[in-house]
Amino acid sequence: MKYQICVSGAASGETVTASHQLAYDLGKAIALAGKTLTTGATVGLPWYAAQGAFSVKDREGVSVGFSPARSFREHVTVYKLPTVEFDYINFTGMAYVGRNIHLVRSSDAVISVGGRMGSLHEFATAIESRKVIGVLLGSGGLADFIPTLLENVEAPDAKNIIYDTDPVRLVNEVIKALDAKYAEFKHNGTDDNISTSHLYADWG
């Protein structure tokens, strides 16, 4: 299945300088696996992830950005966000807070790399939505704080969060978890073999 995997991370700050290669490698691994990368169509770590995905030649995976803007013009002139590295941009018109929710809810999995307060919002939305979640340890910021956070704040399915220090290995583990989650979902181009009732049981 062509899962939509979100890379969530800081748009600016120390973790962008320290972990931009890790974000790039995440995006590249998602594209090489033939999956769809989703990001906030923004600068910083999500942008590096988009660059990584876009660098893969003859890729099956695509790069989709969820913009806070209402239009291409607003995306570029008001928010001053990139455009080149995306195969498609969804102009949500929801500003950053609303965009975050739409991005996460539209994704099958969320991977945290680095991160600041906006990434915390996306992580909280992902865990409350019962998404498959990966955390790239060693990337700084929110990602490295998540284990401590979950030791002190009860959250649904926290035990199922996937932690790793290697971007490629983490992407592979997230895909394996998605395969297990959607193991009963089969689609042959008709409605005959589609069983989706279990997909809504956990808000996923």
N, C-alpha and C. Protein backbone atom coordinates (compact mmCIF):
# COMPACT_ATOMS: atom_id res chain seq x y z
N MET A 1 0.84 -1.19 0.00
CA MET A 1 0.00 0.00 0.00
C MET A 1 0.88 1.24 0.00
N LYS A 2 0.39 2.28 -0.64
CA LYS A 2 1.17 3.52 -0.74
C LYS A 2 0.84 4.41 0.45
N TYR A 3 1.37 4.04 1.60
CA TYR A 3 1.10 4.79 2.83
C TYR A 3 1.55 6.23 2.72
N GLN A 4 0.87 7.09 3.46
CA GLN A 4 1.28 8.49 3.60
C GLN A 4 1.99 8.63 4.94
N ILE A 5 3.27 8.93 4.90
CA ILE A 5 4.09 9.01 6.09
C ILE A 5 4.55 10.45 6.28
N CYS A 6 4.16 11.02 7.39
CA CYS A 6 4.49 12.42 7.71
C CYS A 6 5.83 12.50 8.43
N VAL A 7 6.65 13.43 8.00
CA VAL A 7 7.86 13.78 8.76
C VAL A 7 7.60 15.12 9.43
N SER A 8 7.64 15.09 10.75
CA SER A 8 7.34 16.27 11.58
C SER A 8 8.62 16.73 12.25
N GLY A 9 8.94 18.02 12.10
CA GLY A 9 10.16 18.53 12.72
C GLY A 9 10.19 20.04 12.73
N ALA A 10 11.21 20.59 13.35
CA ALA A 10 11.32 22.03 13.54
C ALA A 10 11.56 22.77 12.22
N ALA A 11 10.93 23.94 12.10
CA ALA A 11 11.15 24.79 10.94
C ALA A 11 12.41 25.63 11.09
N SER A 12 12.84 25.83 12.31
CA SER A 12 14.06 26.61 12.56
C SER A 12 14.62 26.21 13.92
N GLY A 13 15.80 26.73 14.24
CA GLY A 13 16.40 26.45 15.54
C GLY A 13 17.56 25.47 15.45
N GLU A 14 18.05 25.09 16.61
CA GLU A 14 19.27 24.28 16.71
C GLU A 14 19.14 22.92 16.05
N THR A 15 17.96 22.29 16.15
CA THR A 15 17.85 20.94 15.61
C THR A 15 17.90 20.92 14.08
N VAL A 16 17.56 22.05 13.45
CA VAL A 16 17.66 22.11 11.99
C VAL A 16 19.13 22.05 11.58
N THR A 17 19.97 22.79 12.27
CA THR A 17 21.40 22.78 11.99
C THR A 17 22.01 21.42 12.29
N ALA A 18 21.61 20.83 13.41
CA ALA A 18 22.23 19.58 13.86
C ALA A 18 21.71 18.35 13.12
N SER A 19 20.44 18.37 12.70
CA SER A 19 19.79 17.13 12.24
C SER A 19 19.22 17.21 10.83
N HIS A 20 19.65 18.19 10.03
CA HIS A 20 19.08 18.31 8.69
C HIS A 20 19.38 17.09 7.82
N GLN A 21 20.57 16.48 8.00
CA GLN A 21 20.89 15.28 7.21
C GLN A 21 20.00 14.11 7.60
N LEU A 22 19.68 14.01 8.88
CA LEU A 22 18.79 12.94 9.34
C LEU A 22 17.40 13.10 8.72
N ALA A 23 16.90 14.34 8.67
CA ALA A 23 15.60 14.58 8.05
C ALA A 23 15.64 14.27 6.56
N TYR A 24 16.71 14.66 5.90
CA TYR A 24 16.89 14.36 4.48
C TYR A 24 16.85 12.85 4.25
N ASP A 25 17.54 12.11 5.10
CA ASP A 25 17.60 10.66 4.95
C ASP A 25 16.23 10.02 5.20
N LEU A 26 15.45 10.58 6.10
CA LEU A 26 14.09 10.08 6.33
C LEU A 26 13.25 10.21 5.06
N GLY A 27 13.26 11.41 4.49
CA GLY A 27 12.49 11.65 3.27
C GLY A 27 12.93 10.76 2.12
N LYS A 28 14.24 10.59 1.98
CA LYS A 28 14.77 9.76 0.92
C LYS A 28 14.35 8.31 1.11
N ALA A 29 14.40 7.82 2.35
CA ALA A 29 14.02 6.44 2.63
C ALA A 29 12.54 6.20 2.35
N ILE A 30 11.71 7.17 2.66
CA ILE A 30 10.27 7.05 2.39
C ILE A 30 10.01 6.96 0.89
N ALA A 31 10.70 7.80 0.11
CA ALA A 31 10.53 7.78 -1.35
C ALA A 31 11.06 6.50 -1.95
N LEU A 32 12.21 6.04 -1.47
CA LEU A 32 12.79 4.80 -1.98
C LEU A 32 11.90 3.60 -1.71
N ALA A 33 11.14 3.68 -0.62
CA ALA A 33 10.20 2.60 -0.28
C ALA A 33 8.92 2.68 -1.09
N GLY A 34 8.79 3.72 -1.92
CA GLY A 34 7.60 3.87 -2.75
C GLY A 34 6.40 4.41 -2.00
N LYS A 35 6.64 5.06 -0.87
CA LYS A 35 5.54 5.62 -0.08
C LYS A 35 5.44 7.12 -0.32
N THR A 36 4.37 7.72 0.18
CA THR A 36 4.14 9.15 0.02
C THR A 36 4.62 9.89 1.25
N LEU A 37 5.54 10.83 1.06
CA LEU A 37 5.99 11.71 2.15
C LEU A 37 5.02 12.86 2.28
N THR A 38 4.54 13.10 3.50
CA THR A 38 3.75 14.29 3.78
C THR A 38 4.49 15.17 4.78
N THR A 39 4.47 16.48 4.53
CA THR A 39 5.10 17.44 5.43
C THR A 39 4.22 18.68 5.49
N GLY A 40 4.63 19.62 6.32
CA GLY A 40 3.90 20.88 6.44
C GLY A 40 4.25 21.89 5.37
N ALA A 41 4.89 21.46 4.28
CA ALA A 41 5.25 22.34 3.16
C ALA A 41 6.00 23.57 3.66
N THR A 42 6.86 23.35 4.63
CA THR A 42 7.53 24.46 5.29
C THR A 42 9.04 24.33 5.18
N VAL A 43 9.76 25.24 5.82
CA VAL A 43 11.21 25.23 5.81
C VAL A 43 11.73 24.33 6.93
N GLY A 44 13.03 24.32 7.13
CA GLY A 44 13.62 23.55 8.22
C GLY A 44 13.64 22.07 7.95
N LEU A 45 13.47 21.26 8.99
CA LEU A 45 13.58 19.82 8.87
C LEU A 45 12.57 19.20 7.91
N PRO A 46 11.29 19.64 7.91
CA PRO A 46 10.37 19.09 6.91
C PRO A 46 10.82 19.37 5.47
N TRP A 47 11.41 20.52 5.26
CA TRP A 47 11.91 20.87 3.93
C TRP A 47 13.06 19.96 3.52
N TYR A 48 13.96 19.67 4.47
CA TYR A 48 15.06 18.75 4.16
C TYR A 48 14.51 17.36 3.85
N ALA A 49 13.47 16.93 4.56
CA ALA A 49 12.85 15.65 4.26
C ALA A 49 12.27 15.65 2.84
N ALA A 50 11.62 16.75 2.47
CA ALA A 50 11.06 16.88 1.13
C ALA A 50 12.17 16.86 0.08
N GLN A 51 13.30 17.50 0.37
CA GLN A 51 14.43 17.47 -0.55
C GLN A 51 14.96 16.05 -0.72
N GLY A 52 15.01 15.30 0.39
CA GLY A 52 15.46 13.93 0.33
C GLY A 52 14.57 13.07 -0.55
N ALA A 53 13.27 13.23 -0.39
CA ALA A 53 12.32 12.47 -1.22
C ALA A 53 12.44 12.88 -2.68
N PHE A 54 12.59 14.17 -2.92
CA PHE A 54 12.63 14.70 -4.29
C PHE A 54 13.92 14.32 -5.00
N SER A 55 14.94 13.95 -4.24
CA SER A 55 16.24 13.61 -4.85
C SER A 55 16.26 12.23 -5.49
N VAL A 56 15.27 11.41 -5.17
CA VAL A 56 15.25 10.03 -5.65
C VAL A 56 14.78 10.01 -7.11
N LYS A 57 15.62 9.55 -7.99
CA LYS A 57 15.27 9.49 -9.41
C LYS A 57 14.37 8.29 -9.68
N ASP A 58 13.44 8.46 -10.61
CA ASP A 58 12.51 7.39 -10.99
C ASP A 58 11.78 6.83 -9.78
N ARG A 59 11.43 7.70 -8.85
CA ARG A 59 10.80 7.25 -7.61
C ARG A 59 9.32 6.98 -7.82
N GLU A 60 8.82 6.01 -7.06
CA GLU A 60 7.38 5.76 -7.01
C GLU A 60 6.73 6.60 -5.93
N GLY A 61 7.48 6.87 -4.87
CA GLY A 61 6.96 7.71 -3.79
C GLY A 61 6.86 9.15 -4.23
N VAL A 62 5.93 9.89 -3.64
CA VAL A 62 5.75 11.30 -3.97
C VAL A 62 5.87 12.15 -2.71
N SER A 63 6.03 13.44 -2.92
CA SER A 63 6.16 14.41 -1.83
C SER A 63 4.96 15.35 -1.85
N VAL A 64 4.19 15.33 -0.78
CA VAL A 64 2.99 16.16 -0.68
C VAL A 64 3.14 17.12 0.50
N GLY A 65 2.93 18.40 0.24
CA GLY A 65 3.01 19.41 1.29
C GLY A 65 1.64 19.93 1.68
N PHE A 66 1.43 20.11 2.97
CA PHE A 66 0.19 20.69 3.50
C PHE A 66 0.51 22.11 3.97
N SER A 67 0.07 23.08 3.19
CA SER A 67 0.42 24.47 3.46
C SER A 67 -0.58 25.13 4.41
N PRO A 68 -0.11 26.04 5.26
CA PRO A 68 -1.04 26.82 6.08
C PRO A 68 -1.79 27.87 5.27
N ALA A 69 -1.34 28.12 4.05
CA ALA A 69 -1.88 29.20 3.22
C ALA A 69 -3.15 28.78 2.49
N ARG A 70 -3.87 29.79 1.98
CA ARG A 70 -5.10 29.55 1.23
C ARG A 70 -4.84 29.38 -0.26
N SER A 71 -3.67 29.80 -0.72
CA SER A 71 -3.39 29.78 -2.15
C SER A 71 -1.89 29.75 -2.37
N PHE A 72 -1.51 29.48 -3.61
CA PHE A 72 -0.09 29.49 -3.96
C PHE A 72 0.51 30.88 -3.69
N ARG A 73 -0.23 31.92 -4.05
CA ARG A 73 0.27 33.27 -3.84
C ARG A 73 0.54 33.55 -2.36
N GLU A 74 -0.40 33.17 -1.50
CA GLU A 74 -0.23 33.40 -0.07
C GLU A 74 0.90 32.53 0.48
N HIS A 75 0.99 31.31 -0.02
CA HIS A 75 2.05 30.39 0.40
C HIS A 75 3.43 31.02 0.18
N VAL A 76 3.59 31.66 -0.98
CA VAL A 76 4.89 32.21 -1.36
C VAL A 76 5.13 33.60 -0.79
N THR A 77 4.13 34.49 -0.90
CA THR A 77 4.36 35.90 -0.56
C THR A 77 4.13 36.22 0.92
N VAL A 78 3.18 35.55 1.55
CA VAL A 78 2.88 35.82 2.96
C VAL A 78 3.68 34.91 3.89
N TYR A 79 3.56 33.61 3.64
CA TYR A 79 4.26 32.64 4.51
C TYR A 79 5.71 32.42 4.09
N LYS A 80 6.03 32.76 2.82
CA LYS A 80 7.39 32.63 2.31
C LYS A 80 7.91 31.19 2.46
N LEU A 81 7.13 30.25 1.95
CA LEU A 81 7.45 28.84 2.07
C LEU A 81 7.87 28.26 0.71
N PRO A 82 8.63 27.16 0.71
CA PRO A 82 9.15 26.58 -0.52
C PRO A 82 8.07 25.88 -1.35
N THR A 83 8.39 25.65 -2.62
CA THR A 83 7.43 25.01 -3.53
C THR A 83 8.05 23.91 -4.38
N VAL A 84 9.32 24.01 -4.69
CA VAL A 84 9.95 23.17 -5.71
C VAL A 84 9.93 21.69 -5.35
N GLU A 85 10.10 21.36 -4.07
CA GLU A 85 10.31 19.96 -3.67
C GLU A 85 9.03 19.16 -3.49
N PHE A 86 7.91 19.71 -3.91
CA PHE A 86 6.64 19.03 -3.70
C PHE A 86 5.99 18.67 -5.03
N ASP A 87 5.50 17.43 -5.11
CA ASP A 87 4.74 17.03 -6.28
C ASP A 87 3.34 17.63 -6.24
N TYR A 88 2.87 17.90 -5.05
CA TYR A 88 1.54 18.48 -4.86
C TYR A 88 1.52 19.24 -3.55
N ILE A 89 0.85 20.39 -3.54
CA ILE A 89 0.67 21.16 -2.31
C ILE A 89 -0.82 21.31 -2.04
N ASN A 90 -1.23 20.92 -0.85
CA ASN A 90 -2.61 21.10 -0.40
C ASN A 90 -2.67 22.43 0.35
N PHE A 91 -3.33 23.41 -0.23
CA PHE A 91 -3.44 24.73 0.41
C PHE A 91 -4.64 24.70 1.35
N THR A 92 -4.35 24.45 2.63
CA THR A 92 -5.41 24.21 3.61
C THR A 92 -6.16 25.47 4.01
N GLY A 93 -5.47 26.62 4.01
CA GLY A 93 -6.09 27.86 4.48
C GLY A 93 -6.39 27.85 5.97
N MET A 94 -5.71 26.96 6.72
CA MET A 94 -6.01 26.77 8.14
C MET A 94 -4.98 27.38 9.08
N ALA A 95 -4.05 28.19 8.55
CA ALA A 95 -2.93 28.71 9.33
C ALA A 95 -2.14 27.51 9.89
N TYR A 96 -1.18 27.77 10.75
CA TYR A 96 -0.30 26.69 11.18
C TYR A 96 -0.99 25.67 12.09
N VAL A 97 -1.79 26.13 13.02
CA VAL A 97 -2.42 25.21 13.97
C VAL A 97 -3.37 24.25 13.27
N GLY A 98 -4.25 24.80 12.43
CA GLY A 98 -5.18 23.96 11.69
C GLY A 98 -4.49 23.07 10.69
N ARG A 99 -3.45 23.61 10.04
CA ARG A 99 -2.66 22.83 9.08
C ARG A 99 -2.06 21.60 9.75
N ASN A 100 -1.55 21.77 10.97
CA ASN A 100 -0.93 20.66 11.68
C ASN A 100 -1.91 19.49 11.84
N ILE A 101 -3.12 19.81 12.24
CA ILE A 101 -4.13 18.78 12.47
C ILE A 101 -4.49 18.09 11.16
N HIS A 102 -4.71 18.88 10.11
CA HIS A 102 -5.07 18.32 8.81
C HIS A 102 -3.96 17.42 8.27
N LEU A 103 -2.72 17.85 8.44
CA LEU A 103 -1.56 17.08 7.99
C LEU A 103 -1.51 15.72 8.68
N VAL A 104 -1.60 15.74 9.99
CA VAL A 104 -1.49 14.50 10.76
C VAL A 104 -2.66 13.56 10.49
N ARG A 105 -3.87 14.12 10.48
CA ARG A 105 -5.05 13.29 10.27
C ARG A 105 -5.09 12.69 8.86
N SER A 106 -4.39 13.33 7.92
CA SER A 106 -4.35 12.84 6.54
C SER A 106 -3.23 11.84 6.31
N SER A 107 -2.42 11.60 7.33
CA SER A 107 -1.27 10.70 7.21
C SER A 107 -1.56 9.38 7.92
N ASP A 108 -0.90 8.32 7.45
CA ASP A 108 -1.04 7.01 8.09
C ASP A 108 -0.08 6.87 9.26
N ALA A 109 1.05 7.55 9.18
CA ALA A 109 2.06 7.49 10.24
C ALA A 109 2.75 8.83 10.35
N VAL A 110 3.33 9.09 11.51
CA VAL A 110 4.05 10.34 11.76
C VAL A 110 5.41 10.00 12.36
N ILE A 111 6.46 10.55 11.78
CA ILE A 111 7.81 10.39 12.32
C ILE A 111 8.31 11.73 12.82
N SER A 112 8.72 11.77 14.08
CA SER A 112 9.23 13.00 14.69
C SER A 112 10.75 13.03 14.59
N VAL A 113 11.27 14.16 14.10
CA VAL A 113 12.71 14.39 14.05
C VAL A 113 12.95 15.80 14.59
N GLY A 114 13.85 15.92 15.57
CA GLY A 114 14.05 17.24 16.19
C GLY A 114 12.73 17.74 16.74
N GLY A 115 12.44 19.00 16.49
CA GLY A 115 11.10 19.49 16.81
C GLY A 115 11.04 20.51 17.93
N ARG A 116 10.03 21.40 17.79
CA ARG A 116 9.75 22.42 18.79
C ARG A 116 8.27 22.30 19.17
N MET A 117 7.63 23.40 19.54
CA MET A 117 6.26 23.36 20.02
C MET A 117 5.27 22.90 18.95
N GLY A 118 5.47 23.35 17.70
CA GLY A 118 4.58 22.92 16.63
C GLY A 118 4.65 21.42 16.42
N SER A 119 5.86 20.85 16.55
CA SER A 119 6.02 19.41 16.42
C SER A 119 5.35 18.68 17.58
N LEU A 120 5.36 19.30 18.76
CA LEU A 120 4.65 18.72 19.90
C LEU A 120 3.16 18.65 19.63
N HIS A 121 2.63 19.70 19.00
CA HIS A 121 1.22 19.71 18.61
C HIS A 121 0.92 18.57 17.64
N GLU A 122 1.78 18.37 16.67
CA GLU A 122 1.59 17.29 15.71
C GLU A 122 1.72 15.93 16.37
N PHE A 123 2.67 15.80 17.29
CA PHE A 123 2.85 14.53 18.01
C PHE A 123 1.62 14.22 18.85
N ALA A 124 1.10 15.21 19.57
CA ALA A 124 -0.09 15.00 20.40
C ALA A 124 -1.29 14.62 19.54
N THR A 125 -1.43 15.27 18.39
CA THR A 125 -2.53 14.94 17.47
C THR A 125 -2.38 13.51 16.97
N ALA A 126 -1.16 13.11 16.65
CA ALA A 126 -0.90 11.77 16.14
C ALA A 126 -1.22 10.70 17.18
N ILE A 127 -0.80 10.93 18.42
CA ILE A 127 -1.00 9.90 19.43
C ILE A 127 -2.47 9.81 19.83
N GLU A 128 -3.17 10.95 19.85
CA GLU A 128 -4.60 10.92 20.16
C GLU A 128 -5.40 10.33 19.00
N SER A 129 -4.85 10.39 17.79
CA SER A 129 -5.52 9.83 16.61
C SER A 129 -5.13 8.38 16.36
N ARG A 130 -4.32 7.81 17.27
CA ARG A 130 -3.89 6.41 17.16
C ARG A 130 -3.14 6.14 15.86
N LYS A 131 -2.31 7.09 15.45
CA LYS A 131 -1.48 6.88 14.27
C LYS A 131 -0.27 6.02 14.64
N VAL A 132 0.31 5.36 13.66
CA VAL A 132 1.62 4.74 13.86
C VAL A 132 2.63 5.86 14.00
N ILE A 133 3.46 5.80 15.04
CA ILE A 133 4.38 6.90 15.34
C ILE A 133 5.80 6.38 15.44
N GLY A 134 6.72 7.08 14.78
CA GLY A 134 8.13 6.81 14.89
C GLY A 134 8.85 8.03 15.45
N VAL A 135 9.88 7.80 16.23
CA VAL A 135 10.65 8.88 16.83
C VAL A 135 12.13 8.64 16.54
N LEU A 136 12.76 9.62 15.90
CA LEU A 136 14.19 9.50 15.57
C LEU A 136 15.03 10.04 16.74
N LEU A 137 15.44 9.14 17.60
CA LEU A 137 16.25 9.53 18.75
C LEU A 137 17.63 10.01 18.29
N GLY A 138 18.18 10.96 19.04
CA GLY A 138 19.47 11.53 18.68
C GLY A 138 19.36 12.72 17.76
N SER A 139 18.13 13.11 17.41
CA SER A 139 17.93 14.27 16.53
C SER A 139 17.65 15.55 17.30
N GLY A 140 17.61 15.46 18.63
CA GLY A 140 17.46 16.64 19.46
C GLY A 140 16.02 17.09 19.63
N GLY A 141 15.85 18.21 20.35
CA GLY A 141 14.53 18.83 20.50
C GLY A 141 13.48 17.88 21.05
N LEU A 142 12.28 18.01 20.53
CA LEU A 142 11.15 17.21 20.99
C LEU A 142 11.42 15.72 20.89
N ALA A 143 11.99 15.27 19.80
CA ALA A 143 12.19 13.83 19.58
C ALA A 143 12.92 13.18 20.75
N ASP A 144 13.96 13.83 21.25
CA ASP A 144 14.72 13.24 22.34
C ASP A 144 14.02 13.40 23.68
N PHE A 145 13.03 14.27 23.75
CA PHE A 145 12.30 14.50 25.01
C PHE A 145 11.07 13.60 25.12
N ILE A 146 10.62 13.01 24.01
CA ILE A 146 9.38 12.23 24.02
C ILE A 146 9.39 11.09 25.04
N PRO A 147 10.47 10.30 25.16
CA PRO A 147 10.44 9.23 26.17
C PRO A 147 10.21 9.77 27.58
N THR A 148 10.85 10.88 27.93
CA THR A 148 10.64 11.48 29.25
C THR A 148 9.21 12.01 29.39
N LEU A 149 8.71 12.63 28.33
CA LEU A 149 7.34 13.14 28.35
C LEU A 149 6.35 12.03 28.65
N LEU A 150 6.52 10.89 27.99
CA LEU A 150 5.56 9.80 28.14
C LEU A 150 5.75 9.01 29.43
N GLU A 151 6.86 9.23 30.10
CA GLU A 151 7.03 8.66 31.44
C GLU A 151 6.20 9.43 32.46
N ASN A 152 5.84 10.66 32.11
CA ASN A 152 5.15 11.53 33.06
C ASN A 152 3.73 11.90 32.65
N VAL A 153 3.37 11.68 31.40
CA VAL A 153 2.04 12.02 30.90
C VAL A 153 1.44 10.78 30.23
N GLU A 154 0.31 10.33 30.75
CA GLU A 154 -0.34 9.15 30.19
C GLU A 154 -0.88 9.45 28.79
N ALA A 155 -0.65 8.53 27.88
CA ALA A 155 -1.09 8.72 26.49
C ALA A 155 -1.49 7.38 25.91
N PRO A 156 -2.48 7.37 25.01
CA PRO A 156 -2.93 6.10 24.42
C PRO A 156 -1.86 5.47 23.53
N ASP A 157 -1.69 4.15 23.67
CA ASP A 157 -0.80 3.37 22.81
C ASP A 157 0.66 3.84 22.86
N ALA A 158 1.05 4.49 23.95
CA ALA A 158 2.42 4.99 24.03
C ALA A 158 3.44 3.86 23.91
N LYS A 159 3.06 2.68 24.37
CA LYS A 159 3.99 1.53 24.34
C LYS A 159 4.28 1.08 22.91
N ASN A 160 3.44 1.49 21.96
CA ASN A 160 3.63 1.06 20.57
C ASN A 160 4.46 2.02 19.74
N ILE A 161 4.89 3.13 20.34
CA ILE A 161 5.72 4.08 19.59
C ILE A 161 7.05 3.42 19.24
N ILE A 162 7.50 3.67 18.02
CA ILE A 162 8.73 3.06 17.52
C ILE A 162 9.88 4.05 17.65
N TYR A 163 10.93 3.64 18.35
CA TYR A 163 12.11 4.49 18.55
C TYR A 163 13.30 3.88 17.82
N ASP A 164 14.10 4.74 17.20
CA ASP A 164 15.35 4.27 16.58
C ASP A 164 16.26 5.48 16.37
N THR A 165 17.53 5.21 16.18
CA THR A 165 18.50 6.28 15.93
C THR A 165 18.91 6.33 14.46
N ASP A 166 18.46 5.35 13.68
CA ASP A 166 18.83 5.27 12.27
C ASP A 166 17.62 5.59 11.39
N PRO A 167 17.70 6.60 10.52
CA PRO A 167 16.54 7.01 9.73
C PRO A 167 15.97 5.91 8.83
N VAL A 168 16.83 5.19 8.13
CA VAL A 168 16.37 4.16 7.22
C VAL A 168 15.71 3.02 7.98
N ARG A 169 16.34 2.60 9.05
CA ARG A 169 15.78 1.52 9.87
C ARG A 169 14.44 1.93 10.47
N LEU A 170 14.34 3.18 10.89
CA LEU A 170 13.09 3.67 11.48
C LEU A 170 11.97 3.66 10.46
N VAL A 171 12.25 4.13 9.24
CA VAL A 171 11.23 4.12 8.19
C VAL A 171 10.77 2.69 7.92
N ASN A 172 11.71 1.76 7.85
CA ASN A 172 11.35 0.36 7.60
C ASN A 172 10.48 -0.20 8.71
N GLU A 173 10.79 0.15 9.95
CA GLU A 173 10.00 -0.34 11.08
C GLU A 173 8.60 0.27 11.08
N VAL A 174 8.50 1.53 10.70
CA VAL A 174 7.19 2.19 10.61
C VAL A 174 6.35 1.52 9.52
N ILE A 175 6.96 1.21 8.39
CA ILE A 175 6.24 0.54 7.30
C ILE A 175 5.77 -0.85 7.74
N LYS A 176 6.61 -1.57 8.47
CA LYS A 176 6.22 -2.88 8.99
C LYS A 176 5.03 -2.76 9.92
N ALA A 177 5.02 -1.74 10.76
CA ALA A 177 3.89 -1.52 11.67
C ALA A 177 2.62 -1.18 10.89
N LEU A 178 2.76 -0.41 9.82
CA LEU A 178 1.60 -0.09 8.98
C LEU A 178 1.08 -1.33 8.27
N ASP A 179 2.00 -2.17 7.79
CA ASP A 179 1.59 -3.42 7.14
C ASP A 179 0.78 -4.28 8.11
N ALA A 180 1.21 -4.32 9.36
CA ALA A 180 0.48 -5.10 10.36
C ALA A 180 -0.87 -4.49 10.67
N LYS A 181 -0.90 -3.16 10.74
CA LYS A 181 -2.15 -2.47 11.06
C LYS A 181 -3.20 -2.67 9.98
N TYR A 182 -2.76 -2.66 8.72
CA TYR A 182 -3.69 -2.76 7.61
C TYR A 182 -3.64 -4.13 6.93
N ALA A 183 -3.24 -5.15 7.69
CA ALA A 183 -3.08 -6.48 7.11
C ALA A 183 -4.37 -7.03 6.52
N GLU A 184 -5.51 -6.64 7.09
CA GLU A 184 -6.79 -7.17 6.61
C GLU A 184 -7.37 -6.35 5.46
N PHE A 185 -6.71 -5.26 5.13
CA PHE A 185 -7.22 -4.39 4.07
C PHE A 185 -6.64 -4.81 2.73
N LYS A 186 -7.50 -5.26 1.83
CA LYS A 186 -7.06 -5.67 0.50
C LYS A 186 -7.93 -4.97 -0.53
N HIS A 187 -7.29 -4.52 -1.60
CA HIS A 187 -8.02 -3.79 -2.63
C HIS A 187 -7.55 -4.24 -4.00
N ASN A 188 -8.48 -4.76 -4.80
CA ASN A 188 -8.10 -5.27 -6.11
C ASN A 188 -8.65 -4.40 -7.24
N GLY A 189 -9.04 -3.17 -6.91
CA GLY A 189 -9.57 -2.28 -7.93
C GLY A 189 -11.07 -2.27 -7.97
N THR A 190 -11.71 -3.13 -7.19
CA THR A 190 -13.17 -3.14 -7.08
C THR A 190 -13.55 -2.98 -5.62
N ASP A 191 -14.83 -2.91 -5.35
CA ASP A 191 -15.29 -2.80 -3.97
C ASP A 191 -15.43 -4.16 -3.30
N ASP A 192 -15.21 -5.24 -4.04
CA ASP A 192 -15.51 -6.57 -3.53
C ASP A 192 -14.65 -6.97 -2.35
N ASN A 193 -13.36 -6.60 -2.40
CA ASN A 193 -12.44 -7.08 -1.37
C ASN A 193 -12.03 -5.99 -0.39
N ILE A 194 -12.87 -4.96 -0.26
CA ILE A 194 -12.53 -3.88 0.65
C ILE A 194 -13.29 -4.07 1.97
N SER A 195 -12.53 -4.18 3.04
CA SER A 195 -13.13 -4.25 4.37
C SER A 195 -12.52 -3.14 5.20
N THR A 196 -13.28 -2.12 5.48
CA THR A 196 -12.72 -0.93 6.14
C THR A 196 -13.28 -0.68 7.52
N SER A 197 -14.17 -1.52 8.01
CA SER A 197 -14.81 -1.22 9.28
C SER A 197 -13.83 -1.10 10.42
N HIS A 198 -12.76 -1.95 10.39
CA HIS A 198 -11.79 -1.92 11.48
C HIS A 198 -10.94 -0.66 11.44
N LEU A 199 -10.87 0.02 10.31
CA LEU A 199 -10.02 1.21 10.20
C LEU A 199 -10.55 2.35 11.04
N TYR A 200 -11.85 2.35 11.30
CA TYR A 200 -12.45 3.46 12.03
C TYR A 200 -12.59 3.17 13.52
N ALA A 201 -12.28 1.95 13.91
CA ALA A 201 -12.47 1.57 15.31
C ALA A 201 -11.54 2.31 16.24
N ASP A 202 -10.35 2.68 15.74
CA ASP A 202 -9.35 3.33 16.61
C ASP A 202 -9.00 4.74 16.14
N TRP A 203 -9.88 5.34 15.35
CA TRP A 203 -9.67 6.71 14.86
C TRP A 203 -8.49 6.80 13.92
N GLY A 204 -7.93 5.67 13.49
CA GLY A 204 -6.75 5.72 12.61
C GLY A 204 -7.14 6.11 11.24
